[in-house]
Each structure stands twice: as structure tokens, then as C-alpha cells.
Amino acid sequence: MNILVLIKPVPDPEHEGDIRIDEASGRIVREDVKHVLDPLSRNALEAALQLAKQGETPGFVAVLSMAPPQMSDKMTEALAMGADEAFLLSDEAFGGADTYATSYTLAAAVRKIEAEKALQFDLILAGSASADGGTSHVAVQTAEWLGRTHIANVCRLETEGDLIRAVKRSEEVLLTFEGEGPAVIAVTRDINKPRLVTAMGIIKARKKPLTVWNREDLGVEPERTGLTGSPTRAGRLSAPENRRQAREPWETPEEAAAGIRKIIQEAGI
């Protein structure tokens, strides 16, 4: 089985105080900000690695991301987890892309990879939402550009021969879908527990191919990429105040209840 995983580096939540937004462009300033692989990207990659082990012939797992060139170390991390090959889309022209422009660019890369390797991915996996944007748009929009079946919020994924079985959690029940690929599936954190990167994995990753493509390599339409190709634009931006005020603890539960109620009322909540 051939599987492609869409992964995304996101600002490290442990260093959220370093994150800034350029008010003029509405873009995150990524320079000098520590990044990590998005947690759900790791879940998606883990699912791909587990599925690739099934069957008599080991499957092929590749990862694809659109990010600045300094994020190549995150691609190496994905290779260290067990991916066979990595593709990074990196060009200043891609900067500021919304989900529409991002999915258009990713879809073009998928077509290029499949053409050059003379294969079709049975599955394209991704996280249902990223930690920084959380729109849940990119996976399904990429599928639409490719004209492929897509399912989001999948918490269990299995294959049996050519059959793909995906379990999706709705508000009240679990829904099971069955069919054949190619398909795009966005997973939740409930699907698995991602493996840790090992020293041996890091050593092996250094020998695995990492390809970097720019806009010219993809042959995409300039007016559909980056900020220019993004119909969604940020509105007014403002930084929230993260201030905390200490209070002396109350002596009894009754005093605590009354005190908390007063704080809520004064805050107008």
C-alpha cells in the first residue's frame, strides 16, 4: 500500500510567548520561533506506518509539507519516525496562503509525486485539524482538488486487501465507512499513540531522500498560490492580555463559593 501523509510544523505551544503576528499581513512571524511537528500530524504518520506493515509486501510511506526551508528538520523527524521519503514545498511565493491556496499547492505536489514515481497513493492521511489554525479544511480541500473520496474525524482505520475501513466519531454514534482507495482521510488523536523517535531512526533518516520544491518546480499558477491566491484575509488583530492576579485563599468552602461567585459577577460573566 502506498500512503502519503500531509504533515505540518507548528509553533511550539511551550513557547507561545514568543509567537507574534504581523498586523499588516496577518501572518505568523515564524522567525526565531521554535516549531514542532503538529500533534495530529504525528498521529496520521503513525497510522500510515502501522498500515504499511500489513500485507505480504511492505508499503511505501512518504510525507509532504508546505513550510519555510528552516523546517526541514521536522521533515527529518518524520523520516526518523519511519517514513521512507519526504517532500518539502518551500518558496516565499507560498507564504501567507490560506487553506484554499495551501490545498491547491499540496494537490499539485501530490500529482507531481505520483507522476514521477509512476504510482497512485492508495491513502493520503492528515490530521483533522492543526494546532495553530484548527480550520479542519486542508485535508478535505486537497481531496476536492484531487477529485478523491474524503472522510474526516476518523478515530479507527483498517485495511483488508484493497478494502479500507474507517470509523468516524459523530456527535452521538460511531459511523463505519468501507470502500476502496484512493481516499483522503483526516484522523483524530484517538486513533493511536505516536511512536517516539529513536537514535537509530535518526541515523537512518540521514540516508533517506528529502526533496525540496519551489513554485516553478510544481508548475502551479502564481495567482492561486500564497497570499495572492488566498481569498481569506485576516481582519483586525489584537493581542490578548495574559495577566493574572493573586488572591488570598478563603478559609471555608462557603467563603470560597461566595468569593468565586463575586469574582464572576464583577467580571460580567
Protein backbone atom coordinates (compact mmCIF):
# COMPACT_ATOMS: atom_id res chain seq x y z
CA MET A 1 0.00 0.00 0.00
CA ASN A 2 1.28 3.45 -0.95
CA ILE A 3 0.49 6.13 1.61
CA LEU A 4 1.20 9.86 1.67
CA VAL A 5 0.97 11.83 4.91
CA LEU A 6 0.38 15.58 4.96
CA ILE A 7 2.32 16.97 7.91
CA LYS A 8 2.69 20.47 9.30
CA PRO A 9 5.24 22.17 11.58
CA VAL A 10 3.50 24.43 14.11
CA PRO A 11 4.78 26.86 16.76
CA ASP A 12 5.73 25.05 19.96
CA PRO A 13 2.92 25.66 22.48
CA GLU A 14 5.52 25.52 25.25
CA HIS A 15 6.92 28.78 23.83
CA GLU A 16 3.68 30.53 22.99
CA GLY A 17 5.00 33.76 24.46
CA ASP A 18 7.46 34.01 21.54
CA ILE A 19 4.72 33.90 18.91
CA ARG A 20 3.99 37.19 17.15
CA ILE A 21 1.60 38.15 14.37
CA ASP A 22 2.45 40.73 11.75
CA GLU A 23 -0.52 43.11 11.96
CA ALA A 24 -0.05 44.36 8.39
CA SER A 25 -0.19 40.95 6.72
CA GLY A 26 -2.00 38.94 9.40
CA ARG A 27 0.70 36.26 9.17
CA ILE A 28 2.52 34.49 11.99
CA VAL A 29 6.11 35.66 12.29
CA ARG A 30 7.93 32.31 12.23
CA GLU A 31 11.47 33.61 12.52
CA ASP A 32 13.09 32.85 15.87
CA VAL A 33 10.07 30.78 16.95
CA LYS A 34 10.59 27.15 17.95
CA HIS A 35 8.44 24.73 15.96
CA VAL A 36 7.33 21.14 16.48
CA LEU A 37 5.50 18.63 14.33
CA ASP A 38 1.78 19.16 14.77
CA PRO A 39 0.48 16.50 17.20
CA LEU A 40 -2.19 15.22 14.80
CA SER A 41 0.37 15.04 12.01
CA ARG A 42 2.23 12.57 14.20
CA ASN A 43 -0.97 10.56 14.69
CA ALA A 44 -1.51 10.48 10.93
CA LEU A 45 2.07 9.35 10.30
CA GLU A 46 1.81 6.66 12.97
CA ALA A 47 -1.37 5.35 11.33
CA ALA A 48 0.40 5.24 7.97
CA LEU A 49 3.40 3.37 9.39
CA GLN A 50 1.17 0.79 11.02
CA LEU A 51 -0.87 0.23 7.85
CA ALA A 52 2.30 -0.06 5.75
CA LYS A 53 3.37 -3.10 7.78
CA GLN A 54 0.23 -5.02 6.86
CA GLY A 55 0.25 -7.39 3.91
CA GLU A 56 2.99 -9.54 2.43
CA THR A 57 4.83 -6.61 0.81
CA PRO A 58 5.88 -3.62 2.96
CA GLY A 59 4.13 -0.43 1.92
CA PHE A 60 5.65 2.87 0.86
CA VAL A 61 5.12 5.87 3.16
CA ALA A 62 6.00 9.42 2.11
CA VAL A 63 5.42 12.72 3.89
CA LEU A 64 4.58 16.08 2.32
CA SER A 65 4.59 19.55 3.86
CA MET A 66 4.48 23.19 2.79
CA ALA A 67 6.73 25.20 5.09
CA PRO A 68 9.75 27.54 5.22
CA PRO A 69 13.14 25.92 4.44
CA GLN A 70 14.24 26.04 8.09
CA MET A 71 11.52 23.46 8.83
CA SER A 72 13.46 20.74 7.02
CA ASP A 73 14.48 19.33 10.39
CA LYS A 74 10.82 18.49 11.03
CA MET A 75 10.79 16.52 7.78
CA THR A 76 13.87 14.69 9.05
CA GLU A 77 11.98 13.93 12.26
CA ALA A 78 9.18 12.36 10.21
CA LEU A 79 11.77 10.27 8.36
CA ALA A 80 13.24 9.24 11.72
CA MET A 81 9.79 8.05 12.82
CA GLY A 82 9.82 5.67 9.86
CA ALA A 83 8.68 7.45 6.69
CA ASP A 84 10.54 6.37 3.54
CA GLU A 85 10.75 9.72 1.75
CA ALA A 86 9.95 13.38 2.38
CA PHE A 87 8.86 16.26 0.16
CA LEU A 88 9.00 19.89 1.31
CA LEU A 89 7.30 22.70 -0.61
CA SER A 90 9.22 25.84 0.21
CA ASP A 91 9.05 29.18 -1.59
CA GLU A 92 8.43 32.75 -0.48
CA ALA A 93 5.61 32.75 -3.03
CA PHE A 94 3.77 30.20 -0.87
CA GLY A 95 3.84 32.47 2.20
CA GLY A 96 0.57 33.74 3.66
CA ALA A 97 -1.51 31.03 1.99
CA ASP A 98 -4.94 30.29 3.41
CA THR A 99 -6.39 26.77 3.30
CA TYR A 100 -7.62 27.26 -0.29
CA ALA A 101 -4.19 28.19 -1.65
CA THR A 102 -2.45 25.66 0.59
CA SER A 103 -4.62 22.75 -0.55
CA TYR A 104 -4.22 23.79 -4.20
CA THR A 105 -0.43 23.71 -3.82
CA LEU A 106 -0.42 20.41 -1.93
CA ALA A 107 -2.65 18.80 -4.56
CA ALA A 108 -0.24 19.90 -7.31
CA ALA A 109 2.60 18.28 -5.37
CA VAL A 110 0.64 15.05 -4.97
CA ARG A 111 0.14 14.86 -8.73
CA LYS A 112 3.84 15.52 -9.33
CA ILE A 113 4.96 12.84 -6.87
CA GLU A 114 2.59 10.27 -8.34
CA ALA A 115 3.68 11.11 -11.91
CA GLU A 116 7.40 10.95 -11.16
CA LYS A 117 7.13 7.71 -9.19
CA ALA A 118 4.56 6.16 -11.54
CA LEU A 119 2.21 5.27 -8.70
CA GLN A 120 -1.02 6.35 -7.12
CA PHE A 121 -1.35 6.76 -3.37
CA ASP A 122 -3.99 4.41 -2.00
CA LEU A 123 -4.34 6.68 1.01
CA ILE A 124 -3.49 10.26 1.84
CA LEU A 125 -3.60 10.82 5.59
CA ALA A 126 -3.58 14.04 7.61
CA GLY A 127 -4.63 15.38 10.98
CA SER A 128 -8.22 16.53 11.25
CA ALA A 129 -7.02 19.96 12.39
CA SER A 130 -3.73 21.68 13.11
CA ALA A 131 -2.76 23.13 16.46
CA ASP A 132 -2.15 26.60 15.04
CA GLY A 133 -5.01 27.05 12.57
CA GLY A 134 -7.59 24.46 13.56
CA THR A 135 -9.77 25.03 10.48
CA SER A 136 -10.09 21.33 9.54
CA HIS A 137 -10.12 22.44 5.88
CA VAL A 138 -6.82 21.41 4.31
CA ALA A 139 -7.30 17.63 4.07
CA VAL A 140 -10.80 17.79 2.59
CA GLN A 141 -9.92 20.67 0.26
CA THR A 142 -6.87 18.78 -1.00
CA ALA A 143 -9.13 15.80 -1.67
CA GLU A 144 -11.52 18.00 -3.64
CA TRP A 145 -8.68 19.35 -5.81
CA LEU A 146 -7.67 15.73 -6.50
CA GLY A 147 -11.23 14.51 -7.00
CA ARG A 148 -10.89 11.83 -4.33
CA THR A 149 -13.13 10.47 -1.62
CA HIS A 150 -12.51 12.00 1.80
CA ILE A 151 -13.52 11.35 5.40
CA ALA A 152 -12.62 13.48 8.44
CA ASN A 153 -12.54 12.88 12.20
CA VAL A 154 -11.56 9.23 11.80
CA CYS A 155 -10.69 7.50 15.07
CA ARG A 156 -10.01 4.00 13.73
CA LEU A 157 -8.58 2.91 10.38
CA GLU A 158 -8.09 -0.59 8.99
CA THR A 159 -7.33 -2.21 5.65
CA GLU A 160 -8.19 -5.67 4.39
CA GLY A 161 -6.72 -6.27 0.97
CA ASP A 162 -7.96 -3.37 -1.18
CA LEU A 163 -10.74 -2.61 1.29
CA ILE A 164 -10.38 0.45 3.52
CA ARG A 165 -12.48 0.61 6.68
CA ALA A 166 -12.68 3.94 8.53
CA VAL A 167 -14.57 4.62 11.74
CA LYS A 168 -15.68 8.20 12.32
CA ARG A 169 -16.98 9.62 15.56
CA SER A 170 -20.11 11.74 15.20
CA GLU A 171 -21.84 13.64 18.00
CA GLU A 172 -23.77 10.59 19.19
CA VAL A 173 -22.54 7.41 17.46
CA LEU A 174 -19.63 5.80 15.64
CA LEU A 175 -20.03 5.62 11.86
CA THR A 176 -18.19 2.98 9.81
CA PHE A 177 -17.31 3.57 6.16
CA GLU A 178 -15.96 0.92 3.80
CA GLY A 179 -14.61 1.23 0.27
CA GLU A 180 -11.55 1.17 -1.95
CA GLY A 181 -8.98 3.90 -2.48
CA PRO A 182 -7.70 6.26 -3.46
CA ALA A 183 -9.02 8.25 -0.50
CA VAL A 184 -8.03 11.13 1.76
CA ILE A 185 -8.59 10.54 5.47
CA ALA A 186 -8.15 13.00 8.33
CA VAL A 187 -7.58 11.40 11.73
CA THR A 188 -8.09 12.38 15.36
CA ARG A 189 -5.80 11.84 18.32
CA ASP A 190 -7.90 8.82 19.40
CA ILE A 191 -6.56 6.72 16.53
CA ASN A 192 -3.22 5.82 18.15
CA LYS A 193 -0.29 6.85 20.29
CA PRO A 194 2.59 8.03 18.06
CA ARG A 195 5.95 6.34 18.50
CA LEU A 196 8.99 8.18 19.81
CA VAL A 197 11.97 8.99 17.62
CA THR A 198 14.94 6.74 18.37
CA ALA A 199 18.67 7.26 17.86
CA MET A 200 18.65 4.53 15.21
CA GLY A 201 15.75 6.25 13.48
CA ILE A 202 17.73 9.49 13.31
CA ILE A 203 20.72 7.68 11.80
CA LYS A 204 18.52 6.00 9.17
CA ALA A 205 16.79 9.31 8.38
CA ARG A 206 20.06 10.83 7.19
CA LYS A 207 20.16 8.32 4.33
CA LYS A 208 16.55 8.83 3.22
CA PRO A 209 15.64 11.23 0.38
CA LEU A 210 14.32 14.70 1.18
CA THR A 211 13.18 16.67 -1.89
CA VAL A 212 12.53 20.42 -1.80
CA TRP A 213 10.34 22.00 -4.49
CA ASN A 214 9.53 25.64 -5.20
CA ARG A 215 6.71 27.17 -7.22
CA GLU A 216 8.50 26.73 -10.53
CA ASP A 217 9.16 23.06 -9.80
CA LEU A 218 5.44 22.46 -9.26
CA GLY A 219 4.36 24.50 -12.27
CA VAL A 220 1.41 25.95 -10.34
CA GLU A 221 -0.47 29.09 -11.30
CA PRO A 222 1.07 32.07 -9.41
CA GLU A 223 -2.33 33.73 -8.91
CA ARG A 224 -3.55 30.68 -6.97
CA THR A 225 -0.66 30.40 -4.52
CA GLY A 226 0.40 32.19 -1.37
CA LEU A 227 -1.23 35.38 -0.18
CA THR A 228 -2.17 36.36 -3.75
CA GLY A 229 -4.23 33.21 -4.23
CA SER A 230 -5.90 33.36 -0.81
CA PRO A 231 -9.49 34.62 -0.74
CA THR A 232 -9.46 34.50 3.07
CA ARG A 233 -7.81 37.52 4.67
CA ALA A 234 -7.25 38.28 8.35
CA GLY A 235 -9.38 41.04 9.82
CA ARG A 236 -8.45 43.25 12.76
CA LEU A 237 -5.92 41.60 15.05
CA SER A 238 -5.27 42.27 18.69
CA ALA A 239 -3.12 40.54 21.28
CA PRO A 240 -4.98 39.34 24.40
CA GLU A 241 -3.75 40.43 27.79
CA ASN A 242 -2.38 37.49 29.75
CA ARG A 243 -2.45 38.97 33.23
CA ARG A 244 -3.08 37.08 36.45
CA GLN A 245 -3.96 38.44 39.84
CA ALA A 246 -3.24 36.50 43.01
CA ARG A 247 -5.80 36.37 45.82
CA GLU A 248 -5.57 35.12 49.37
CA PRO A 249 -7.25 31.72 49.81
CA TRP A 250 -10.58 31.53 51.62
CA GLU A 251 -10.79 29.72 54.94
CA THR A 252 -14.01 27.73 54.38
CA PRO A 253 -15.80 26.21 51.35
CA GLU A 254 -18.72 28.57 51.93
CA GLU A 255 -16.45 31.61 51.80
CA ALA A 256 -14.76 30.23 48.68
CA ALA A 257 -18.09 29.74 46.92
CA ALA A 258 -19.23 33.25 47.78
CA GLY A 259 -15.89 34.74 46.78
CA ILE A 260 -15.78 32.96 43.42
CA ARG A 261 -19.36 33.99 42.68
CA LYS A 262 -18.48 37.62 43.41
CA ILE A 263 -15.44 37.49 41.08
CA ILE A 264 -17.60 36.09 38.27
CA GLN A 265 -20.27 38.75 38.78
CA GLU A 266 -17.72 41.56 38.83
CA ALA A 267 -16.23 40.23 35.61
CA GLY A 268 -19.65 40.38 33.98
CA ILE A 269 -19.66 36.73 33.05
